[in-house]
């Protein structure tokens, strides 16, 4: 899932520090309904804020509202009335309203993921020439979802674009060169899209390249092969060099994908700084509302959002306690906090999102994978060392800069689902996001709750699966099936079982 975190000092632009207060004070004549600034102070540092305004707020009014609170608007998304602003005034959030503004930088929070097999995230992006010998025999995950059988029927359409919202995609990897569309790629690590190649290429993490290979690595007899090798992918970088996915990055990514007409976005992360974002808490409510608006807008524009359920191994519908979100940035000390069902993993638990759990080679929920009846829609291979295939690695093999590597996690499960969704979209080019979601549910292979989920052999159940064969908390509607997705009528089936509303 999300990348490993470390405390990150915010780089402050000298120009912003120098002009922040003066630019605000120039807004003496504010529009009706916007109070004039009562004076700005500038002790620094300049911090970035996510600002949620009333729906329908015009760009000039948004700029004036931010300026009146001693800030500068970096970017504004009028479609959802969400702005990204900076301010050197420590009172900015209070002046504009704590119900409107939140700064992840100001919070200074970081967290531990508790995720298994994080070695991939710890490896800096590399350069060089990959070893391109055929590695497809090592891809047990593709066998599990019948990808090779699907490719005999369809490998996907170039009209379908999957936006990989992640840490960037290596544009030189031979398995990805044909699939990657640079004209649709952008970096979002300021909250405002930057289409420059340097903004969307990987720098400190190979995670995004690994995810991209699972979706669309070329079927050319070399290296690995993706689920939908003939579709296009776009690199939408939402992970900064410290490994954070701040909410403004994700909002930017969703909006970029929506405005560029992408078909699907893959989101193998959860949004910082909390594992669970609570809808009724100051600050967190701003994040929830901004991300919800962006996802819903993307859905209305025809974009299907696929997201990893998370590696906390918890029931998302009854989380109880958040034990992974540190409350002290300097020491990363964790103080567990109580959370209830109003606290969600973003974006996975939002409406209009397909949430993905992870299974190992034995088609059993991976121990690290989070779950929950009504929270998980489908499942896919993410790997589990307790379910090691005969003579094979237990994790998922895919592309990384300068080569190939194995990684486990719901991060690895989600792109299998995005790939199958891309095959469905190729076969059903007029399908809406909601229709694609329902087809994903219909084509999935039913997986019943395990009779005994004692992974450690201790005699105690490691998690409790609720529901029934066709729809349960471990696997949702089941394991995605690439062959069923491309067969004529393969996506037809009974109506989707009610879960998250679409």
Protein backbone atom coordinates (compact mmCIF):
# COMPACT_ATOMS: atom_id res chain seq x y z
CA UNK A 1 0.00 0.00 0.00
CA UNK A 2 1.31 3.50 0.68
CA UNK A 3 5.02 4.02 0.75
CA UNK A 4 7.14 4.08 3.90
CA UNK A 5 7.08 7.42 5.64
CA UNK A 6 9.74 9.58 7.16
CA UNK A 7 9.56 13.07 8.64
CA UNK A 8 9.93 15.58 5.85
CA UNK A 9 10.97 19.22 6.15
CA UNK A 10 8.86 21.41 3.91
CA UNK A 11 10.83 23.31 1.30
CA UNK A 12 9.78 26.92 1.37
CA UNK A 13 9.96 29.15 -1.65
CA UNK A 14 11.82 32.40 -0.96
CA UNK A 15 9.55 34.20 -3.36
CA UNK A 16 6.43 33.04 -1.54
CA UNK A 17 7.87 34.03 1.81
CA UNK A 18 8.74 37.43 0.46
CA UNK A 19 5.43 38.12 -1.24
CA UNK A 20 2.88 36.20 0.79
CA UNK A 21 1.69 38.99 3.04
CA UNK A 22 2.02 41.78 0.51
CA UNK A 23 0.03 39.94 -2.16
CA UNK A 24 -2.77 39.43 0.32
CA UNK A 25 -2.83 43.01 1.48
CA UNK A 26 -3.27 44.13 -2.12
CA UNK A 27 -6.79 42.63 -2.03
CA UNK A 28 -8.31 45.66 -0.35
CA UNK A 29 -11.55 45.52 -2.30
CA UNK A 30 -12.98 42.10 -1.60
CA UNK A 31 -16.19 40.93 -3.34
CA UNK A 32 -19.46 41.07 -1.48
CA UNK A 33 -19.64 38.47 1.24
CA UNK A 34 -15.87 38.23 1.64
CA UNK A 35 -14.47 40.00 4.68
CA UNK A 36 -11.40 42.15 4.10
CA UNK A 37 -8.19 40.98 5.72
CA UNK A 38 -7.75 42.19 9.27
CA UNK A 39 -3.97 42.14 8.97
CA UNK A 40 -1.49 39.45 8.04
CA UNK A 41 1.52 38.32 9.97
CA UNK A 42 4.36 36.39 8.45
CA UNK A 43 6.59 34.51 10.84
CA UNK A 44 6.76 31.60 8.38
CA UNK A 45 7.06 28.97 7.24
CA UNK A 46 4.86 29.08 4.20
CA UNK A 47 2.51 26.10 4.37
CA UNK A 48 0.17 24.56 1.82
CA UNK A 49 -3.54 24.21 2.58
CA UNK A 50 -6.46 22.34 1.10
CA UNK A 51 -9.50 24.63 1.08
CA UNK A 52 -13.10 23.47 0.62
CA UNK A 53 -15.55 26.19 -0.44
CA UNK A 54 -19.28 26.20 -1.14
CA UNK A 55 -20.23 24.43 -4.35
CA UNK A 56 -20.58 26.90 -7.18
CA UNK A 57 -17.97 29.34 -5.86
CA UNK A 58 -16.39 31.18 -8.78
CA UNK A 59 -12.63 31.35 -9.26
CA UNK A 60 -12.44 35.11 -8.54
CA UNK A 61 -14.45 34.69 -5.34
CA UNK A 62 -12.28 31.73 -4.29
CA UNK A 63 -9.13 33.79 -4.84
CA UNK A 64 -10.54 36.69 -2.86
CA UNK A 65 -11.67 34.44 0.00
CA UNK A 66 -8.21 32.93 0.28
CA UNK A 67 -6.55 36.35 0.02
CA UNK A 68 -8.78 37.79 2.74
CA UNK A 69 -7.48 35.09 5.07
CA UNK A 70 -3.85 35.97 4.23
CA UNK A 71 -3.21 33.28 1.66
CA UNK A 72 -2.41 32.87 -2.02
CA UNK A 73 -4.30 30.47 -4.30
CA UNK A 74 -1.98 28.07 -6.12
CA UNK A 75 -4.77 26.31 -7.92
CA UNK A 76 -8.54 26.08 -7.89
CA UNK A 77 -10.87 23.33 -9.09
CA UNK A 78 -14.16 25.16 -9.71
CA UNK A 79 -15.90 21.91 -10.71
CA UNK A 80 -15.74 20.81 -7.06
CA UNK A 81 -15.02 24.15 -5.34
CA UNK A 82 -11.71 23.01 -3.84
CA UNK A 83 -8.62 25.21 -3.75
CA UNK A 84 -4.96 24.63 -2.99
CA UNK A 85 -3.47 27.62 -1.22
CA UNK A 86 -0.32 28.70 0.60
CA UNK A 87 0.10 31.04 3.50
CA UNK A 88 2.87 32.15 5.85
CA UNK A 89 0.29 33.38 8.36
CA UNK A 90 -0.20 30.79 11.13
CA UNK A 91 -3.76 32.03 11.55
CA UNK A 92 -4.81 31.27 7.97
CA UNK A 93 -6.98 28.26 8.78
CA UNK A 94 -8.70 30.07 11.61
CA UNK A 95 -9.34 33.15 9.47
CA UNK A 96 -10.84 31.26 6.55
CA UNK A 97 -12.58 28.79 8.85
CA UNK A 98 -11.38 25.53 10.40
CA UNK A 99 -14.28 23.82 8.66
CA UNK A 100 -12.85 24.98 5.32
CA UNK A 101 -9.06 24.60 5.47
CA UNK A 102 -6.54 21.94 6.45
CA UNK A 103 -2.76 21.68 6.09
CA UNK A 104 -1.12 18.27 6.25
CA UNK A 105 2.21 20.11 6.26
CA UNK A 106 1.20 22.07 9.35
CA UNK A 107 0.16 18.90 11.12
CA UNK A 108 3.61 17.48 10.42
CA UNK A 109 2.33 13.98 10.92
CA UNK A 110 3.94 10.86 9.58
CA UNK A 111 3.05 7.25 10.16
CA UNK A 112 4.16 3.69 9.97
CA UNK A 113 2.31 1.53 7.49
CA UNK A 114 2.68 -1.79 9.28
CA UNK A 115 2.67 -3.33 5.80
CA UNK A 116 4.43 -6.58 4.96
CA UNK A 117 7.11 -6.83 2.31
CA UNK A 118 7.85 -3.13 2.13
CA UNK A 119 11.32 -3.67 0.62
CA UNK A 120 10.06 -2.42 -2.72
CA UNK A 121 9.18 0.93 -1.18
CA UNK A 122 12.58 1.24 0.44
CA UNK A 123 14.41 0.86 -2.89
CA UNK A 124 15.14 4.14 -4.67
CA UNK A 125 14.18 4.39 -8.31
CA UNK A 126 17.11 3.16 -10.37
CA UNK A 127 18.34 3.69 -13.90
CA UNK A 128 19.98 1.29 -16.31
CA UNK A 129 19.10 -1.48 -18.75
CA UNK A 130 16.68 -4.12 -17.43
CA UNK A 131 17.34 -7.84 -17.78
CA UNK A 132 14.62 -8.64 -20.30
CA UNK A 133 14.67 -12.44 -20.31
CA UNK A 134 11.19 -13.96 -20.25
CA UNK A 135 9.91 -13.95 -16.65
CA UNK A 136 6.27 -14.80 -17.29
CA UNK A 137 6.65 -18.31 -15.84
CA UNK A 138 7.16 -16.61 -12.46
CA UNK A 139 3.83 -14.76 -12.68
CA UNK A 140 1.62 -17.13 -10.69
CA UNK A 141 -0.67 -14.17 -10.08
CA UNK A 142 -1.55 -13.96 -13.78
CA UNK A 143 -2.34 -17.67 -13.84
CA UNK A 144 -4.65 -17.16 -10.86
CA UNK A 145 -6.82 -14.69 -12.77
CA UNK A 146 -6.50 -16.48 -16.15
CA UNK A 147 -4.77 -13.54 -17.83
CA UNK A 148 -2.99 -15.57 -20.54
CA UNK A 149 -6.29 -17.20 -21.51
CA UNK A 150 -7.86 -13.76 -21.74
CA UNK A 151 -5.07 -12.54 -24.02
CA UNK A 152 -5.99 -15.19 -26.57
CA UNK A 153 -9.28 -13.28 -26.90
CA UNK A 154 -8.34 -9.67 -26.12
CA UNK A 155 -5.36 -7.77 -24.78
CA UNK A 156 -7.29 -4.55 -24.44
CA UNK A 157 -7.86 -1.45 -26.54
CA UNK A 158 -5.60 1.58 -27.04
CA UNK A 159 -8.71 3.69 -26.48
CA UNK A 160 -8.66 2.69 -22.80
CA UNK A 161 -6.39 4.68 -20.47
CA UNK A 162 -5.55 3.68 -16.90
CA UNK A 163 -4.19 6.51 -14.76
CA UNK A 164 -1.65 5.15 -12.29
CA UNK A 165 -1.89 7.51 -9.31
CA UNK A 166 1.34 6.57 -7.58
CA UNK A 167 5.04 7.43 -7.28
CA UNK A 168 5.70 7.78 -11.01
CA UNK A 169 6.35 5.35 -13.87
CA UNK A 170 9.75 4.72 -15.44
CA UNK A 171 9.31 6.08 -19.01
CA UNK A 172 12.30 4.11 -20.31
CA UNK A 173 11.36 0.63 -19.15
CA UNK A 174 11.06 -1.56 -22.27
CA UNK A 175 7.96 -3.31 -20.93
CA UNK A 176 6.17 0.02 -20.46
CA UNK A 177 7.38 2.29 -23.28
CA UNK A 178 4.53 1.43 -25.63
CA UNK A 179 1.84 1.59 -22.96
CA UNK A 180 2.87 4.84 -21.28
CA UNK A 181 1.28 7.99 -22.70
CA UNK A 182 3.46 10.99 -21.72
CA UNK A 183 0.88 13.46 -23.04
CA UNK A 184 -1.58 12.31 -20.37
CA UNK A 185 0.94 12.18 -17.52
CA UNK A 186 1.49 14.78 -14.81
CA UNK A 187 2.99 15.36 -11.41
CA UNK A 188 0.61 16.41 -8.64
CA UNK A 189 2.95 16.77 -5.66
CA UNK A 190 2.17 20.47 -5.25
CA UNK A 191 -1.58 19.96 -5.52
CA UNK A 192 -1.51 21.48 -9.02
CA UNK A 193 -0.82 19.34 -12.09
CA UNK A 194 2.56 19.73 -13.81
CA UNK A 195 2.84 17.86 -17.14
CA UNK A 196 6.65 18.09 -17.28
CA UNK A 197 8.36 14.71 -17.56
CA UNK A 198 10.50 15.46 -14.52
CA UNK A 199 7.32 16.00 -12.48
CA UNK A 200 5.79 12.58 -13.20
CA UNK A 201 8.89 10.37 -13.43
CA UNK A 202 9.89 8.27 -10.40
CA UNK A 203 12.58 9.64 -8.11
CA UNK A 204 12.71 7.89 -4.75
CA UNK A 205 10.39 4.91 -5.22
CA UNK A 206 9.86 2.05 -7.66
CA UNK A 207 6.31 1.45 -6.40
CA UNK A 208 4.46 3.13 -9.27
CA UNK A 209 6.49 1.32 -11.90
CA UNK A 210 5.69 -2.00 -10.22
CA UNK A 211 1.97 -1.21 -10.22
CA UNK A 212 2.09 -0.07 -13.86
CA UNK A 213 3.70 -3.32 -15.02
CA UNK A 214 0.95 -5.41 -13.45
CA UNK A 215 -1.60 -3.43 -15.43
CA UNK A 216 0.01 -3.12 -18.85
CA UNK A 217 3.50 -4.61 -19.27
CA UNK A 218 3.97 -5.64 -22.90
CA UNK A 219 3.16 -9.16 -24.07
CA UNK A 220 6.31 -9.50 -26.17
CA UNK A 221 8.03 -12.61 -24.84
CA UNK A 222 10.39 -10.52 -22.74
CA UNK A 223 10.22 -9.63 -19.06
CA UNK A 224 6.73 -9.74 -17.56
CA UNK A 225 3.26 -9.37 -19.06
CA UNK A 226 0.46 -7.23 -17.66
CA UNK A 227 -3.25 -7.99 -17.34
CA UNK A 228 -4.16 -5.67 -20.23
CA UNK A 229 -0.97 -5.20 -22.28
CA UNK A 230 -2.56 -3.30 -25.15
CA UNK A 231 -4.20 -0.50 -23.14
CA UNK A 232 -2.51 2.80 -22.40
CA UNK A 233 -1.37 4.01 -19.00
CA UNK A 234 -0.62 7.48 -17.65
CA UNK A 235 1.78 8.37 -14.86
CA UNK A 236 0.00 10.64 -12.36
CA UNK A 237 2.49 11.21 -9.56
CA UNK A 238 0.79 11.71 -6.20
CA UNK A 239 3.63 10.54 -3.94
CA UNK A 240 6.30 13.04 -2.94
CA UNK A 241 9.97 12.27 -2.39
CA UNK A 242 9.39 11.64 1.31
CA UNK A 243 6.75 9.04 0.50
CA UNK A 244 3.72 11.11 1.53
CA UNK A 245 0.36 11.15 -0.26
CA UNK A 246 -1.13 14.38 1.03
CA UNK A 247 -4.81 14.97 0.22
CA UNK A 248 -4.18 17.81 -2.21
CA UNK A 249 -1.99 15.45 -4.28
CA UNK A 250 -4.80 12.92 -4.58
CA UNK A 251 -7.42 15.59 -5.38
CA UNK A 252 -5.15 16.89 -8.14
CA UNK A 253 -4.71 13.35 -9.48
CA UNK A 254 -8.43 12.60 -9.60
CA UNK A 255 -9.20 15.90 -11.27
CA UNK A 256 -6.42 15.48 -13.83
CA UNK A 257 -7.70 12.00 -14.71
CA UNK A 258 -11.27 13.27 -15.02
CA UNK A 259 -10.41 16.23 -17.22
CA UNK A 260 -8.14 14.12 -19.46
CA UNK A 261 -10.86 11.54 -20.09
CA UNK A 262 -9.14 8.57 -18.49
CA UNK A 263 -11.13 5.36 -18.16
CA UNK A 264 -9.81 4.03 -14.84
CA UNK A 265 -7.51 5.18 -12.06
CA UNK A 266 -5.49 2.81 -9.89
CA UNK A 267 -4.89 4.00 -6.34
CA UNK A 268 -2.52 1.76 -4.40
CA UNK A 269 -2.25 4.01 -1.36
CA UNK A 270 -4.18 5.63 1.44
CA UNK A 271 -4.19 9.34 2.02
CA UNK A 272 -1.96 10.92 4.67
CA UNK A 273 -1.72 11.80 7.40
CA UNK A 274 -4.21 9.33 8.92
CA UNK A 275 -4.90 5.70 8.16
CA UNK A 276 -8.55 6.40 9.03
CA UNK A 277 -9.91 9.84 8.17
CA UNK A 278 -12.87 10.77 10.39
CA UNK A 279 -15.73 12.70 8.82
CA UNK A 280 -16.69 14.51 12.03
CA UNK A 281 -13.26 15.73 13.20
CA UNK A 282 -11.85 19.20 12.53
CA UNK A 283 -9.34 19.06 9.70
CA UNK A 284 -10.15 15.48 8.82
CA UNK A 285 -13.62 16.53 7.69
CA UNK A 286 -12.02 18.93 5.18
CA UNK A 287 -9.89 16.12 3.76
CA UNK A 288 -12.86 13.76 3.56
CA UNK A 289 -15.06 16.29 1.77
CA UNK A 290 -12.40 17.37 -0.73
CA UNK A 291 -11.44 13.82 -1.69
CA UNK A 292 -15.09 12.73 -1.83
CA UNK A 293 -15.93 15.57 -4.19
CA UNK A 294 -12.99 14.76 -6.44
CA UNK A 295 -13.82 11.04 -6.64
CA UNK A 296 -17.51 11.71 -7.29
CA UNK A 297 -16.65 14.22 -10.00
CA UNK A 298 -14.32 11.72 -11.67
CA UNK A 299 -17.07 9.10 -11.55
CA UNK A 300 -19.55 11.47 -13.18
CA UNK A 301 -16.97 12.05 -15.90
CA UNK A 302 -16.79 8.30 -16.54
CA UNK A 303 -13.67 7.41 -14.56
CA UNK A 304 -13.74 4.17 -12.55
CA UNK A 305 -11.71 4.49 -9.34
CA UNK A 306 -9.98 1.32 -8.09
CA UNK A 307 -8.23 1.41 -4.70
CA UNK A 308 -6.35 -0.91 -2.36
CA UNK A 309 -8.19 -1.77 0.86
CA UNK A 310 -5.03 -1.50 2.94
CA UNK A 311 -2.47 -3.63 4.70
CA UNK A 312 -3.60 -3.15 8.30
CA UNK A 313 -5.35 -6.52 8.52
CA UNK A 314 -8.39 -4.87 10.13
CA UNK A 315 -12.14 -5.02 9.62
CA UNK A 316 -12.74 -1.67 7.95
CA UNK A 317 -16.38 -1.64 9.02
CA UNK A 318 -15.43 -2.02 12.70
CA UNK A 319 -11.94 -0.55 13.03
CA UNK A 320 -12.15 0.19 16.75
CA UNK A 321 -8.72 1.75 17.09
CA UNK A 322 -6.20 3.38 14.79
CA UNK A 323 -2.81 2.12 15.92
CA UNK A 324 -0.79 3.20 12.87
CA UNK A 325 -1.02 7.00 12.74
CA UNK A 326 1.76 8.64 14.81
CA UNK A 327 0.84 11.79 16.69
CA UNK A 328 4.39 13.05 17.18
CA UNK A 329 6.25 13.95 14.01
CA UNK A 330 9.65 14.16 15.69
CA UNK A 331 9.59 10.73 17.30
CA UNK A 332 6.88 8.99 15.23
CA UNK A 333 5.41 7.79 18.51
CA UNK A 334 2.04 6.16 18.03
CA UNK A 335 -0.78 6.95 20.41
CA UNK A 336 -3.72 4.70 19.54
CA UNK A 337 -6.95 6.58 19.01
CA UNK A 338 -10.50 5.34 18.98
CA UNK A 339 -12.16 5.33 15.56
CA UNK A 340 -15.65 4.32 14.52
CA UNK A 341 -17.45 3.63 11.26
CA UNK A 342 -17.45 7.34 10.39
CA UNK A 343 -13.67 7.03 10.03
CA UNK A 344 -12.71 5.70 6.61
CA UNK A 345 -9.62 4.63 4.71
CA UNK A 346 -9.40 7.06 1.79
CA UNK A 347 -10.01 6.60 -1.04
CA UNK A 348 -10.91 2.90 -0.72
CA UNK A 349 -14.02 3.29 1.44
CA UNK A 350 -15.64 6.09 -0.49
CA UNK A 351 -18.73 5.64 -2.56
CA UNK A 352 -17.90 5.22 -6.28
CA UNK A 353 -14.66 3.39 -5.46
CA UNK A 354 -13.91 -0.29 -6.09
CA UNK A 355 -12.06 -1.48 -2.96
CA UNK A 356 -9.69 -4.42 -3.38
CA UNK A 357 -8.50 -6.96 -0.82
CA UNK A 358 -5.55 -9.29 -1.37
CA UNK A 359 -5.19 -13.06 -1.65
CA UNK A 360 -2.16 -15.31 -1.89
CA UNK A 361 -1.50 -18.16 -4.30
CA UNK A 362 -3.94 -20.43 -2.46
CA UNK A 363 -6.81 -17.97 -3.06
CA UNK A 364 -7.06 -17.23 0.67
CA UNK A 365 -7.09 -13.72 2.11
CA UNK A 366 -3.56 -12.54 2.83
CA UNK A 367 -2.99 -12.06 6.54
CA UNK A 368 -2.08 -8.38 6.15
CA UNK A 369 -5.09 -7.52 3.97
CA UNK A 370 -7.82 -5.40 5.48
CA UNK A 371 -11.37 -6.60 4.90
CA UNK A 372 -14.99 -5.98 5.85
CA UNK A 373 -18.49 -6.83 4.67
CA UNK A 374 -19.63 -3.90 2.54
CA UNK A 375 -16.13 -2.39 2.46
CA UNK A 376 -14.46 -4.81 0.01
CA UNK A 377 -15.82 -5.14 -3.52
CA UNK A 378 -13.51 -7.70 -5.11
CA UNK A 379 -10.20 -9.42 -4.43
CA UNK A 380 -7.05 -10.09 -6.46
CA UNK A 381 -3.55 -11.57 -6.06
CA UNK A 382 -1.31 -9.50 -3.84
CA UNK A 383 0.86 -12.30 -2.47
CA UNK A 384 1.28 -13.88 0.95
CA UNK A 385 4.39 -15.66 2.22
CA UNK A 386 2.21 -18.18 4.04
CA UNK A 387 0.79 -19.26 0.68
CA UNK A 388 3.98 -19.79 -1.28
CA UNK A 389 3.51 -21.53 -4.65
CA UNK A 390 5.60 -24.61 -5.33
CA UNK A 391 9.05 -23.51 -6.44
CA UNK A 392 7.98 -19.88 -6.79
CA UNK A 393 8.14 -16.60 -4.92
CA UNK A 394 5.11 -15.80 -2.78
CA UNK A 395 4.95 -12.15 -3.79
CA UNK A 396 4.06 -10.54 -7.12
CA UNK A 397 6.69 -10.05 -9.82
CA UNK A 398 6.48 -6.88 -11.88
CA UNK A 399 8.49 -4.09 -13.44
CA UNK A 400 10.71 -1.69 -11.50
CA UNK A 401 13.15 0.88 -12.87
CA UNK A 402 16.11 -0.99 -14.34
CA UNK A 403 14.50 -4.40 -13.99
CA UNK A 404 11.93 -6.55 -12.19
CA UNK A 405 11.24 -7.31 -8.55
CA UNK A 406 8.78 -8.96 -6.18
CA UNK A 407 6.45 -7.18 -3.78
CA UNK A 408 3.45 -8.15 -1.63
CA UNK A 409 0.48 -6.03 -0.58
CA UNK A 410 -2.95 -4.81 -1.47
CA UNK A 411 -0.94 -2.33 -3.58
CA UNK A 412 -0.17 -5.27 -5.83
CA UNK A 413 -3.75 -6.61 -5.79
CA UNK A 414 -5.39 -3.37 -6.93
CA UNK A 415 -3.66 -3.15 -10.34
CA UNK A 416 -4.86 -6.65 -11.22
CA UNK A 417 -8.39 -5.30 -10.77
CA UNK A 418 -7.59 -2.16 -12.77
CA UNK A 419 -6.25 -4.39 -15.54
CA UNK A 420 -9.38 -6.55 -15.61
CA UNK A 421 -11.52 -3.39 -15.56
CA UNK A 422 -9.50 -2.15 -18.54
CA UNK A 423 -10.29 -5.38 -20.43
CA UNK A 424 -13.97 -4.91 -19.59
CA UNK A 425 -13.86 -1.30 -20.78
CA UNK A 426 -12.17 -2.43 -23.99
CA UNK A 427 -14.98 -4.95 -24.61
CA UNK A 428 -17.71 -2.49 -23.52
CA UNK A 429 -16.47 0.91 -24.76
CA UNK A 430 -19.70 2.72 -23.92
CA UNK A 431 -19.92 1.49 -20.32
CA UNK A 432 -20.16 4.07 -17.54
CA UNK A 433 -18.03 3.88 -14.41
CA UNK A 434 -20.95 2.40 -12.50
CA UNK A 435 -21.57 -0.19 -15.21
CA UNK A 436 -17.90 -1.20 -15.21
CA UNK A 437 -18.07 -1.61 -11.44
CA UNK A 438 -21.11 -3.85 -11.69
CA UNK A 439 -19.48 -5.91 -14.44
CA UNK A 440 -16.40 -6.39 -12.25
CA UNK A 441 -18.66 -7.80 -9.56
CA UNK A 442 -20.50 -10.04 -12.01
CA UNK A 443 -17.44 -11.62 -13.66
CA UNK A 444 -15.62 -12.38 -10.40
CA UNK A 445 -14.99 -15.96 -9.33
CA UNK A 446 -16.96 -16.70 -6.17
CA UNK A 447 -14.79 -17.36 -3.12
CA UNK A 448 -16.54 -18.55 0.02
CA UNK A 449 -15.41 -17.62 3.53
CA UNK A 450 -12.66 -20.00 4.73
CA UNK A 451 -13.87 -22.74 7.05
CA UNK A 452 -10.75 -22.22 9.16
CA UNK A 453 -8.76 -18.98 9.04
CA UNK A 454 -6.01 -19.90 11.49
CA UNK A 455 -2.93 -18.69 9.64
CA UNK A 456 -0.56 -19.12 12.58
CA UNK A 457 -1.72 -22.56 13.60
CA UNK A 458 -2.48 -21.34 17.11
CA UNK A 459 -6.01 -22.69 17.24
CA UNK A 460 -7.49 -19.17 17.13
CA UNK A 461 -9.05 -17.48 14.11
CA UNK A 462 -6.89 -14.62 12.81
CA UNK A 463 -9.92 -12.78 11.38
CA UNK A 464 -13.62 -13.42 11.01
CA UNK A 465 -15.23 -13.56 7.59
CA UNK A 466 -18.90 -12.60 7.49
CA UNK A 467 -21.38 -12.86 4.64
CA UNK A 468 -22.04 -15.70 2.23
CA UNK A 469 -20.32 -17.33 -0.73
CA UNK A 470 -21.34 -14.79 -3.36
CA UNK A 471 -20.57 -11.74 -1.20
CA UNK A 472 -18.51 -11.62 1.97
CA UNK A 473 -16.11 -9.51 3.96
CA UNK A 474 -12.89 -11.20 2.83
CA UNK A 475 -13.42 -11.26 -0.94
CA UNK A 476 -16.42 -9.07 -1.71
CA UNK A 477 -17.96 -10.46 -4.90
CA UNK A 478 -14.93 -12.69 -5.51
CA UNK A 479 -11.63 -13.00 -7.36
CA UNK A 480 -11.41 -11.04 -10.60
CA UNK A 481 -11.25 -13.23 -13.70
CA UNK A 482 -9.63 -11.78 -16.83
CA UNK A 483 -10.90 -14.52 -19.14
CA UNK A 484 -14.49 -14.09 -17.96
CA UNK A 485 -14.13 -10.35 -18.51
CA UNK A 486 -13.36 -10.71 -22.22
CA UNK A 487 -15.64 -13.60 -23.12
CA UNK A 488 -18.87 -12.64 -24.86
CA UNK A 489 -21.46 -12.39 -22.13
CA UNK A 490 -18.81 -12.99 -19.50
CA UNK A 491 -19.60 -9.76 -17.75
CA UNK A 492 -23.30 -10.50 -17.64
CA UNK A 493 -24.67 -11.88 -14.45
CA UNK A 494 -27.04 -11.30 -11.58
CA UNK A 495 -27.51 -7.79 -10.21
CA UNK A 496 -24.71 -6.62 -7.94
CA UNK A 497 -25.19 -7.48 -4.28
CA UNK A 498 -25.70 -4.24 -2.32
CA UNK A 499 -22.49 -3.02 -0.77
CA UNK A 500 -21.16 0.49 -1.14
CA UNK A 501 -23.61 2.49 -3.22
CA UNK A 502 -22.50 3.28 -6.72
